[in-house]
């Protein structure tokens, strides 16, 4: 059993809940936890921050496009701090997640990532962190496609295609 990966998974879920349920009220806690996560990682399990920042920029830009196009509505103007912070923690977690999933073909990882991303936004909508302007089904389909592409990019940027496993236990 890989206890560290289970702890990282639980940590990501905890930060996700704080971000989504806490929304604007706890956004600075979410930002603090994101910074703390990255600092811890640099000491314990260093990852290439430039890759994480690049991917976070793409993810935040994607949410900006969705927001400015009217697909998403938030309580704040533009992208909330909690969502940008969540992107940082997600991409930290994705670094370790994709290591675990690299035994799967890229097409399957993109489908699983698309489904996970869409379900995450649908859950966020149900918890009132975001409002959809289209139906849940249509928004879910759009987000599925976006997140499938995002997972394809994550796998490419983090460079797990054909690489040996990284051990962090």
N, C-alpha and C. Protein backbone atom coordinates (compact mmCIF):
# COMPACT_ATOMS: atom_id res chain seq x y z
N UNK A 1 0.85 -1.18 0.00
CA UNK A 1 0.00 0.00 0.00
C UNK A 1 0.89 1.24 0.00
N UNK A 2 0.56 2.17 -0.82
CA UNK A 2 1.32 3.42 -0.93
C UNK A 2 0.65 4.48 -0.04
N UNK A 3 1.06 4.53 1.22
CA UNK A 3 0.43 5.42 2.20
C UNK A 3 0.62 6.89 1.86
N UNK A 4 1.79 7.24 1.32
CA UNK A 4 2.01 8.64 0.99
C UNK A 4 1.03 9.11 -0.08
N UNK A 5 0.81 8.30 -1.10
CA UNK A 5 -0.15 8.67 -2.13
C UNK A 5 -1.56 8.80 -1.55
N UNK A 6 -1.92 7.90 -0.65
CA UNK A 6 -3.24 8.01 -0.01
C UNK A 6 -3.35 9.30 0.80
N UNK A 7 -2.28 9.67 1.50
CA UNK A 7 -2.28 10.93 2.25
C UNK A 7 -2.38 12.12 1.31
N UNK A 8 -1.66 12.09 0.19
CA UNK A 8 -1.74 13.18 -0.78
C UNK A 8 -3.15 13.28 -1.36
N UNK A 9 -3.78 12.13 -1.60
CA UNK A 9 -5.15 12.13 -2.13
C UNK A 9 -6.11 12.74 -1.11
N UNK A 10 -5.96 12.33 0.14
CA UNK A 10 -6.82 12.89 1.19
C UNK A 10 -6.59 14.38 1.35
N UNK A 11 -5.33 14.81 1.29
CA UNK A 11 -5.01 16.24 1.40
C UNK A 11 -5.66 17.03 0.27
N UNK A 12 -5.55 16.53 -0.95
CA UNK A 12 -6.17 17.22 -2.07
C UNK A 12 -7.68 17.33 -1.86
N UNK A 13 -8.32 16.24 -1.43
CA UNK A 13 -9.77 16.28 -1.21
C UNK A 13 -10.14 17.27 -0.11
N UNK A 14 -9.34 17.33 0.94
CA UNK A 14 -9.59 18.28 2.02
C UNK A 14 -9.52 19.72 1.50
N UNK A 15 -8.47 20.03 0.74
CA UNK A 15 -8.33 21.38 0.19
C UNK A 15 -9.46 21.67 -0.79
N UNK A 16 -9.86 20.68 -1.59
CA UNK A 16 -10.97 20.86 -2.52
C UNK A 16 -12.24 21.25 -1.76
N UNK A 17 -12.55 20.52 -0.68
CA UNK A 17 -13.75 20.83 0.10
C UNK A 17 -13.66 22.21 0.74
N UNK A 18 -12.52 22.56 1.29
CA UNK A 18 -12.36 23.89 1.88
C UNK A 18 -12.57 24.97 0.82
N UNK A 19 -11.99 24.76 -0.36
CA UNK A 19 -12.11 25.74 -1.44
C UNK A 19 -13.55 25.86 -1.92
N UNK A 20 -14.19 24.75 -2.17
CA UNK A 20 -15.53 24.76 -2.78
C UNK A 20 -16.60 25.13 -1.76
N UNK A 21 -16.54 24.55 -0.59
CA UNK A 21 -17.56 24.86 0.42
C UNK A 21 -17.28 26.22 1.07
N UNK A 22 -16.01 26.50 1.32
CA UNK A 22 -15.64 27.78 1.93
C UNK A 22 -15.74 28.95 0.99
N UNK A 23 -15.58 28.65 -0.31
CA UNK A 23 -15.76 29.66 -1.35
C UNK A 23 -15.05 30.97 -1.00
N UNK A 24 -15.72 32.09 -1.13
CA UNK A 24 -15.13 33.41 -0.86
C UNK A 24 -14.73 33.58 0.61
N UNK A 25 -15.51 32.98 1.52
CA UNK A 25 -15.27 33.17 2.95
C UNK A 25 -13.93 32.56 3.40
N UNK A 26 -13.52 31.47 2.78
CA UNK A 26 -12.28 30.79 3.17
C UNK A 26 -11.22 30.83 2.07
N UNK A 27 -11.35 31.76 1.13
CA UNK A 27 -10.42 31.76 0.01
C UNK A 27 -8.98 31.99 0.43
N UNK A 28 -8.75 32.77 1.47
CA UNK A 28 -7.37 33.03 1.89
C UNK A 28 -6.80 31.83 2.63
N UNK A 29 -7.65 31.05 3.28
CA UNK A 29 -7.19 29.78 3.87
C UNK A 29 -6.79 28.83 2.75
N UNK A 30 -7.60 28.77 1.70
CA UNK A 30 -7.27 27.93 0.55
C UNK A 30 -5.94 28.36 -0.07
N UNK A 31 -5.75 29.65 -0.22
CA UNK A 31 -4.49 30.16 -0.78
C UNK A 31 -3.31 29.79 0.12
N UNK A 32 -3.49 29.95 1.43
CA UNK A 32 -2.44 29.58 2.39
C UNK A 32 -2.12 28.09 2.28
N UNK A 33 -3.14 27.24 2.19
CA UNK A 33 -2.92 25.80 2.08
C UNK A 33 -2.23 25.44 0.77
N UNK A 34 -2.53 26.17 -0.30
CA UNK A 34 -1.85 25.93 -1.57
C UNK A 34 -0.36 26.23 -1.45
N UNK A 35 -0.04 27.37 -0.87
CA UNK A 35 1.37 27.75 -0.69
C UNK A 35 2.07 26.75 0.23
N UNK A 36 1.41 26.38 1.32
CA UNK A 36 1.96 25.41 2.26
C UNK A 36 2.23 24.07 1.57
N UNK A 37 1.31 23.64 0.73
CA UNK A 37 1.45 22.39 -0.01
C UNK A 37 2.69 22.42 -0.90
N UNK A 38 2.85 23.53 -1.62
CA UNK A 38 3.99 23.63 -2.54
C UNK A 38 5.31 23.73 -1.77
N UNK A 39 5.31 24.45 -0.66
CA UNK A 39 6.53 24.54 0.16
C UNK A 39 6.90 23.17 0.74
N UNK A 40 5.92 22.47 1.27
CA UNK A 40 6.16 21.13 1.79
C UNK A 40 6.73 20.23 0.69
N UNK A 41 6.12 20.30 -0.46
CA UNK A 41 6.54 19.45 -1.57
C UNK A 41 7.99 19.72 -1.97
N UNK A 42 8.38 20.97 -1.94
CA UNK A 42 9.75 21.30 -2.33
C UNK A 42 10.76 20.73 -1.33
N UNK A 43 10.34 20.54 -0.09
CA UNK A 43 11.22 19.96 0.92
C UNK A 43 11.17 18.43 0.86
N UNK A 44 9.97 17.88 0.75
CA UNK A 44 9.79 16.43 0.86
C UNK A 44 9.83 15.70 -0.48
N UNK A 45 9.09 16.18 -1.45
CA UNK A 45 8.96 15.54 -2.76
C UNK A 45 9.05 16.60 -3.84
N UNK A 46 10.26 17.12 -4.10
CA UNK A 46 10.37 18.23 -5.04
C UNK A 46 9.79 17.90 -6.42
N UNK A 47 9.04 18.84 -6.93
CA UNK A 47 8.55 18.75 -8.30
C UNK A 47 9.00 20.01 -9.02
N UNK A 48 9.00 19.95 -10.33
CA UNK A 48 9.44 21.11 -11.11
C UNK A 48 8.33 22.15 -11.12
N UNK A 49 8.56 23.20 -10.33
CA UNK A 49 7.52 24.23 -10.17
C UNK A 49 7.21 24.94 -11.47
N UNK A 50 8.20 25.09 -12.37
CA UNK A 50 7.91 25.79 -13.62
C UNK A 50 6.86 25.03 -14.44
N UNK A 51 6.89 23.71 -14.37
CA UNK A 51 5.87 22.92 -15.08
C UNK A 51 4.50 23.08 -14.42
N UNK A 52 4.49 23.04 -13.10
CA UNK A 52 3.25 23.22 -12.36
C UNK A 52 2.65 24.59 -12.65
N UNK A 53 3.47 25.63 -12.62
CA UNK A 53 3.00 26.99 -12.88
C UNK A 53 2.49 27.13 -14.31
N UNK A 54 3.18 26.51 -15.26
CA UNK A 54 2.72 26.52 -16.65
C UNK A 54 1.33 25.90 -16.76
N UNK A 55 1.17 24.72 -16.18
CA UNK A 55 -0.13 24.04 -16.24
C UNK A 55 -1.20 24.82 -15.49
N UNK A 56 -0.84 25.41 -14.34
CA UNK A 56 -1.81 26.22 -13.59
C UNK A 56 -2.25 27.42 -14.43
N UNK A 57 -1.31 28.02 -15.14
CA UNK A 57 -1.66 29.14 -16.03
C UNK A 57 -2.66 28.72 -17.09
N UNK A 58 -2.46 27.54 -17.65
CA UNK A 58 -3.39 27.02 -18.66
C UNK A 58 -4.76 26.78 -18.03
N UNK A 59 -4.78 26.14 -16.86
CA UNK A 59 -6.04 25.85 -16.19
C UNK A 59 -6.80 27.10 -15.79
N UNK A 60 -6.09 28.05 -15.22
CA UNK A 60 -6.73 29.31 -14.82
C UNK A 60 -7.23 30.06 -16.06
N UNK A 61 -6.44 30.06 -17.12
CA UNK A 61 -6.87 30.70 -18.37
C UNK A 61 -8.13 30.02 -18.92
N UNK A 62 -8.18 28.70 -18.81
CA UNK A 62 -9.35 27.96 -19.27
C UNK A 62 -10.59 28.39 -18.48
N UNK A 63 -10.45 28.50 -17.16
CA UNK A 63 -11.59 28.94 -16.36
C UNK A 63 -11.94 30.40 -16.65
N UNK A 64 -10.95 31.23 -16.94
CA UNK A 64 -11.23 32.62 -17.33
C UNK A 64 -12.04 32.66 -18.62
N UNK A 65 -11.64 31.87 -19.60
CA UNK A 65 -12.38 31.81 -20.86
C UNK A 65 -13.81 31.35 -20.60
N UNK A 66 -13.96 30.28 -19.79
CA UNK A 66 -15.30 29.79 -19.47
C UNK A 66 -16.14 30.84 -18.75
N UNK A 67 -15.50 31.60 -17.88
CA UNK A 67 -16.21 32.64 -17.15
C UNK A 67 -16.58 33.81 -18.07
N UNK A 68 -15.62 34.30 -18.83
CA UNK A 68 -15.89 35.44 -19.70
C UNK A 68 -16.82 35.09 -20.86
N UNK A 69 -16.84 33.80 -21.25
CA UNK A 69 -17.77 33.36 -22.29
C UNK A 69 -19.17 33.15 -21.72
N UNK A 70 -19.28 33.22 -20.40
CA UNK A 70 -20.59 33.08 -19.77
C UNK A 70 -20.97 31.66 -19.38
N UNK A 71 -20.07 30.70 -19.53
CA UNK A 71 -20.37 29.32 -19.15
C UNK A 71 -20.43 29.17 -17.63
N UNK A 72 -19.49 29.84 -16.94
CA UNK A 72 -19.43 29.81 -15.47
C UNK A 72 -19.72 31.20 -14.93
N UNK A 73 -20.38 31.24 -13.78
CA UNK A 73 -20.57 32.49 -13.04
C UNK A 73 -20.11 32.24 -11.61
N UNK A 74 -19.28 33.16 -11.11
CA UNK A 74 -18.79 33.09 -9.74
C UNK A 74 -19.31 34.28 -8.95
N UNK A 75 -19.18 34.20 -7.62
CA UNK A 75 -19.61 35.31 -6.76
C UNK A 75 -18.68 36.50 -6.86
N UNK A 76 -17.53 36.31 -7.43
CA UNK A 76 -16.54 37.39 -7.54
C UNK A 76 -16.37 37.79 -9.00
N UNK A 77 -15.74 38.91 -9.20
CA UNK A 77 -15.40 39.36 -10.55
C UNK A 77 -14.19 38.55 -11.00
N UNK A 78 -14.26 37.96 -12.17
CA UNK A 78 -13.14 37.16 -12.67
C UNK A 78 -13.05 35.83 -11.93
N UNK A 79 -11.84 35.28 -11.92
CA UNK A 79 -11.61 34.00 -11.27
C UNK A 79 -11.33 34.22 -9.79
N UNK A 80 -12.06 33.56 -8.91
CA UNK A 80 -11.83 33.75 -7.48
C UNK A 80 -10.47 33.21 -7.03
N UNK A 81 -9.95 33.78 -5.96
CA UNK A 81 -8.67 33.35 -5.39
C UNK A 81 -8.73 31.87 -5.02
N UNK A 82 -9.85 31.43 -4.48
CA UNK A 82 -9.95 30.02 -4.07
C UNK A 82 -9.80 29.08 -5.25
N UNK A 83 -10.31 29.47 -6.42
CA UNK A 83 -10.22 28.61 -7.60
C UNK A 83 -8.80 28.58 -8.14
N UNK A 84 -8.14 29.72 -8.20
CA UNK A 84 -6.74 29.75 -8.65
C UNK A 84 -5.87 28.92 -7.69
N UNK A 85 -6.14 29.02 -6.40
CA UNK A 85 -5.39 28.24 -5.41
C UNK A 85 -5.66 26.75 -5.59
N UNK A 86 -6.90 26.42 -5.88
CA UNK A 86 -7.26 25.03 -6.10
C UNK A 86 -6.54 24.45 -7.31
N UNK A 87 -6.37 25.27 -8.35
CA UNK A 87 -5.61 24.82 -9.52
C UNK A 87 -4.18 24.44 -9.12
N UNK A 88 -3.56 25.24 -8.26
CA UNK A 88 -2.19 24.94 -7.82
C UNK A 88 -2.14 23.61 -7.07
N UNK A 89 -3.07 23.41 -6.14
CA UNK A 89 -3.07 22.16 -5.37
C UNK A 89 -3.43 20.98 -6.25
N UNK A 90 -4.37 21.17 -7.16
CA UNK A 90 -4.72 20.08 -8.07
C UNK A 90 -3.51 19.66 -8.90
N UNK A 91 -2.79 20.62 -9.44
CA UNK A 91 -1.66 20.27 -10.31
C UNK A 91 -0.50 19.68 -9.52
N UNK A 92 -0.38 20.06 -8.25
CA UNK A 92 0.57 19.36 -7.37
C UNK A 92 0.15 17.90 -7.23
N UNK A 93 -1.13 17.68 -6.95
CA UNK A 93 -1.65 16.32 -6.80
C UNK A 93 -1.56 15.54 -8.11
N UNK A 94 -1.86 16.19 -9.20
CA UNK A 94 -1.83 15.53 -10.51
C UNK A 94 -0.44 14.99 -10.83
N UNK A 95 0.60 15.67 -10.35
CA UNK A 95 1.96 15.19 -10.57
C UNK A 95 2.10 13.76 -10.05
N UNK A 96 1.57 13.49 -8.87
CA UNK A 96 1.66 12.17 -8.26
C UNK A 96 0.60 11.22 -8.81
N UNK A 97 -0.58 11.74 -9.12
CA UNK A 97 -1.66 10.94 -9.67
C UNK A 97 -1.27 10.35 -11.02
N UNK A 98 -0.72 11.17 -11.88
CA UNK A 98 -0.38 10.70 -13.23
C UNK A 98 0.75 9.67 -13.16
N UNK A 99 1.61 9.78 -12.15
CA UNK A 99 2.63 8.72 -11.96
C UNK A 99 1.95 7.38 -11.75
N UNK A 100 0.88 7.38 -10.96
CA UNK A 100 0.15 6.14 -10.68
C UNK A 100 -0.61 5.64 -11.91
N UNK A 101 -1.11 6.57 -12.71
CA UNK A 101 -1.93 6.21 -13.86
C UNK A 101 -1.12 5.94 -15.12
N UNK A 102 0.18 6.17 -15.08
CA UNK A 102 0.97 6.07 -16.32
C UNK A 102 1.01 4.69 -16.93
N UNK A 103 0.59 3.68 -16.18
CA UNK A 103 0.51 2.34 -16.74
C UNK A 103 -0.66 2.22 -17.71
N UNK A 104 -1.58 3.18 -17.65
CA UNK A 104 -2.73 3.19 -18.54
C UNK A 104 -2.39 3.92 -19.84
N UNK A 105 -3.07 3.58 -20.92
CA UNK A 105 -2.85 4.31 -22.17
C UNK A 105 -3.33 5.77 -22.04
N UNK A 106 -2.69 6.65 -22.79
CA UNK A 106 -3.02 8.07 -22.74
C UNK A 106 -4.49 8.33 -23.01
N UNK A 107 -5.08 7.63 -23.97
CA UNK A 107 -6.49 7.86 -24.30
C UNK A 107 -7.38 7.57 -23.10
N UNK A 108 -7.04 6.54 -22.30
CA UNK A 108 -7.87 6.22 -21.14
C UNK A 108 -7.69 7.25 -20.03
N UNK A 109 -6.46 7.72 -19.85
CA UNK A 109 -6.21 8.76 -18.85
C UNK A 109 -6.98 10.03 -19.22
N UNK A 110 -7.01 10.37 -20.50
CA UNK A 110 -7.74 11.58 -20.91
C UNK A 110 -9.24 11.43 -20.66
N UNK A 111 -9.78 10.24 -20.89
CA UNK A 111 -11.21 10.02 -20.63
C UNK A 111 -11.50 10.08 -19.13
N UNK A 112 -10.67 9.40 -18.34
CA UNK A 112 -10.86 9.43 -16.89
C UNK A 112 -10.71 10.85 -16.34
N UNK A 113 -9.70 11.57 -16.84
CA UNK A 113 -9.48 12.95 -16.40
C UNK A 113 -10.63 13.85 -16.81
N UNK A 114 -11.14 13.65 -18.02
CA UNK A 114 -12.28 14.44 -18.48
C UNK A 114 -13.50 14.20 -17.60
N UNK A 115 -13.74 12.94 -17.27
CA UNK A 115 -14.89 12.60 -16.41
C UNK A 115 -14.69 13.17 -15.01
N UNK A 116 -13.49 13.01 -14.46
CA UNK A 116 -13.22 13.53 -13.12
C UNK A 116 -13.35 15.04 -13.05
N UNK A 117 -12.83 15.72 -14.05
CA UNK A 117 -12.93 17.18 -14.08
C UNK A 117 -14.37 17.64 -14.20
N UNK A 118 -15.13 17.01 -15.09
CA UNK A 118 -16.53 17.39 -15.26
C UNK A 118 -17.32 17.15 -13.98
N UNK A 119 -17.09 16.00 -13.35
CA UNK A 119 -17.81 15.69 -12.11
C UNK A 119 -17.43 16.66 -10.99
N UNK A 120 -16.19 17.10 -10.97
CA UNK A 120 -15.75 18.06 -9.96
C UNK A 120 -16.48 19.39 -10.11
N UNK A 121 -16.61 19.87 -11.34
CA UNK A 121 -17.31 21.13 -11.57
C UNK A 121 -18.82 20.98 -11.32
N UNK A 122 -19.37 19.83 -11.66
CA UNK A 122 -20.79 19.59 -11.37
C UNK A 122 -21.02 19.58 -9.86
N UNK A 123 -20.12 18.94 -9.12
CA UNK A 123 -20.21 18.96 -7.66
C UNK A 123 -20.08 20.39 -7.14
N UNK A 124 -19.16 21.16 -7.71
CA UNK A 124 -19.01 22.56 -7.32
C UNK A 124 -20.27 23.36 -7.57
N UNK A 125 -20.96 23.06 -8.65
CA UNK A 125 -22.21 23.74 -8.95
C UNK A 125 -23.29 23.35 -7.95
N UNK A 126 -23.34 22.08 -7.61
CA UNK A 126 -24.32 21.60 -6.63
C UNK A 126 -24.06 22.20 -5.24
N UNK A 127 -22.79 22.50 -4.94
CA UNK A 127 -22.42 23.09 -3.65
C UNK A 127 -22.39 24.63 -3.70
N UNK A 128 -22.88 25.20 -4.80
CA UNK A 128 -23.02 26.66 -4.98
C UNK A 128 -21.71 27.42 -5.08
N UNK A 129 -20.64 26.75 -5.49
CA UNK A 129 -19.37 27.45 -5.69
C UNK A 129 -19.31 28.11 -7.07
N UNK A 130 -20.08 27.58 -8.00
CA UNK A 130 -20.13 28.11 -9.36
C UNK A 130 -21.56 27.92 -9.86
N UNK A 131 -21.97 28.81 -10.74
CA UNK A 131 -23.27 28.68 -11.39
C UNK A 131 -23.02 28.40 -12.87
N UNK A 132 -23.79 27.48 -13.42
CA UNK A 132 -23.73 27.19 -14.85
C UNK A 132 -24.83 27.99 -15.54
N UNK A 133 -24.51 28.52 -16.70
CA UNK A 133 -25.52 29.26 -17.46
C UNK A 133 -26.23 28.37 -18.47
N UNK A 134 -25.63 27.22 -18.77
CA UNK A 134 -26.26 26.22 -19.63
C UNK A 134 -26.76 25.08 -18.74
N UNK A 135 -27.36 24.10 -19.33
CA UNK A 135 -27.80 22.94 -18.55
C UNK A 135 -26.58 22.23 -17.96
N UNK A 136 -26.82 21.47 -16.91
CA UNK A 136 -25.74 20.70 -16.29
C UNK A 136 -25.14 19.73 -17.31
N UNK A 137 -25.99 19.09 -18.11
CA UNK A 137 -25.52 18.13 -19.12
C UNK A 137 -24.62 18.79 -20.16
N UNK A 138 -25.04 19.94 -20.68
CA UNK A 138 -24.25 20.63 -21.71
C UNK A 138 -22.95 21.16 -21.11
N UNK A 139 -23.03 21.77 -19.94
CA UNK A 139 -21.81 22.27 -19.28
C UNK A 139 -20.88 21.11 -18.97
N UNK A 140 -21.44 20.01 -18.47
CA UNK A 140 -20.63 18.83 -18.16
C UNK A 140 -19.91 18.30 -19.39
N UNK A 141 -20.58 18.30 -20.52
CA UNK A 141 -19.96 17.83 -21.76
C UNK A 141 -18.82 18.75 -22.19
N UNK A 142 -19.03 20.04 -22.12
CA UNK A 142 -17.98 21.01 -22.48
C UNK A 142 -16.79 20.85 -21.55
N UNK A 143 -17.05 20.77 -20.26
CA UNK A 143 -15.97 20.64 -19.27
C UNK A 143 -15.27 19.29 -19.43
N UNK A 144 -16.01 18.24 -19.76
CA UNK A 144 -15.39 16.94 -20.01
C UNK A 144 -14.34 17.05 -21.11
N UNK A 145 -14.71 17.68 -22.22
CA UNK A 145 -13.76 17.83 -23.34
C UNK A 145 -12.55 18.66 -22.91
N UNK A 146 -12.80 19.75 -22.21
CA UNK A 146 -11.70 20.61 -21.75
C UNK A 146 -10.76 19.85 -20.82
N UNK A 147 -11.33 19.09 -19.88
CA UNK A 147 -10.50 18.37 -18.92
C UNK A 147 -9.81 17.17 -19.55
N UNK A 148 -10.41 16.56 -20.55
CA UNK A 148 -9.72 15.49 -21.27
C UNK A 148 -8.46 16.06 -21.92
N UNK A 149 -8.59 17.22 -22.55
CA UNK A 149 -7.42 17.88 -23.15
C UNK A 149 -6.42 18.29 -22.08
N UNK A 150 -6.92 18.74 -20.94
CA UNK A 150 -6.05 19.15 -19.84
C UNK A 150 -5.24 17.96 -19.32
N UNK A 151 -5.88 16.81 -19.17
CA UNK A 151 -5.15 15.63 -18.70
C UNK A 151 -4.13 15.15 -19.73
N UNK A 152 -4.47 15.25 -21.00
CA UNK A 152 -3.50 14.91 -22.03
C UNK A 152 -2.28 15.83 -21.88
N UNK A 153 -2.52 17.13 -21.69
CA UNK A 153 -1.44 18.09 -21.53
C UNK A 153 -0.64 17.83 -20.25
N UNK A 154 -1.32 17.53 -19.17
CA UNK A 154 -0.64 17.24 -17.90
C UNK A 154 0.32 16.07 -18.09
N UNK A 155 -0.16 15.02 -18.72
CA UNK A 155 0.70 13.85 -18.93
C UNK A 155 1.91 14.21 -19.78
N UNK A 156 1.71 15.01 -20.80
CA UNK A 156 2.83 15.42 -21.66
C UNK A 156 3.81 16.33 -20.92
N UNK A 157 3.30 17.32 -20.22
CA UNK A 157 4.16 18.29 -19.54
C UNK A 157 4.94 17.65 -18.40
N UNK A 158 4.28 16.79 -17.65
CA UNK A 158 4.97 16.13 -16.55
C UNK A 158 5.89 15.01 -17.05
N UNK A 159 5.78 14.65 -18.32
CA UNK A 159 6.75 13.77 -18.96
C UNK A 159 6.73 12.33 -18.54
N UNK A 160 5.56 11.75 -18.31
CA UNK A 160 5.51 10.37 -17.89
C UNK A 160 5.41 9.39 -19.03
N UNK A 161 5.29 9.87 -20.22
CA UNK A 161 5.18 8.99 -21.38
C UNK A 161 6.46 8.18 -21.50
N UNK A 162 6.40 6.91 -21.24
CA UNK A 162 7.55 6.03 -21.43
C UNK A 162 8.65 6.20 -20.41
N UNK A 163 8.39 6.89 -19.30
CA UNK A 163 9.44 7.08 -18.30
C UNK A 163 9.36 5.99 -17.24
N UNK A 164 10.41 5.88 -16.48
CA UNK A 164 10.42 4.93 -15.36
C UNK A 164 9.65 5.55 -14.21
N UNK A 165 9.06 4.71 -13.34
CA UNK A 165 8.31 5.27 -12.22
C UNK A 165 9.20 6.03 -11.25
N UNK A 166 8.64 7.08 -10.71
CA UNK A 166 9.32 7.84 -9.67
C UNK A 166 8.81 7.31 -8.34
N UNK A 167 9.72 6.98 -7.45
CA UNK A 167 9.32 6.50 -6.13
C UNK A 167 9.43 7.62 -5.14
N UNK A 168 8.37 7.83 -4.39
CA UNK A 168 8.38 8.89 -3.40
C UNK A 168 7.93 8.36 -2.06
N UNK A 169 8.06 7.08 -1.85
CA UNK A 169 7.68 6.49 -0.55
C UNK A 169 8.85 6.50 0.39
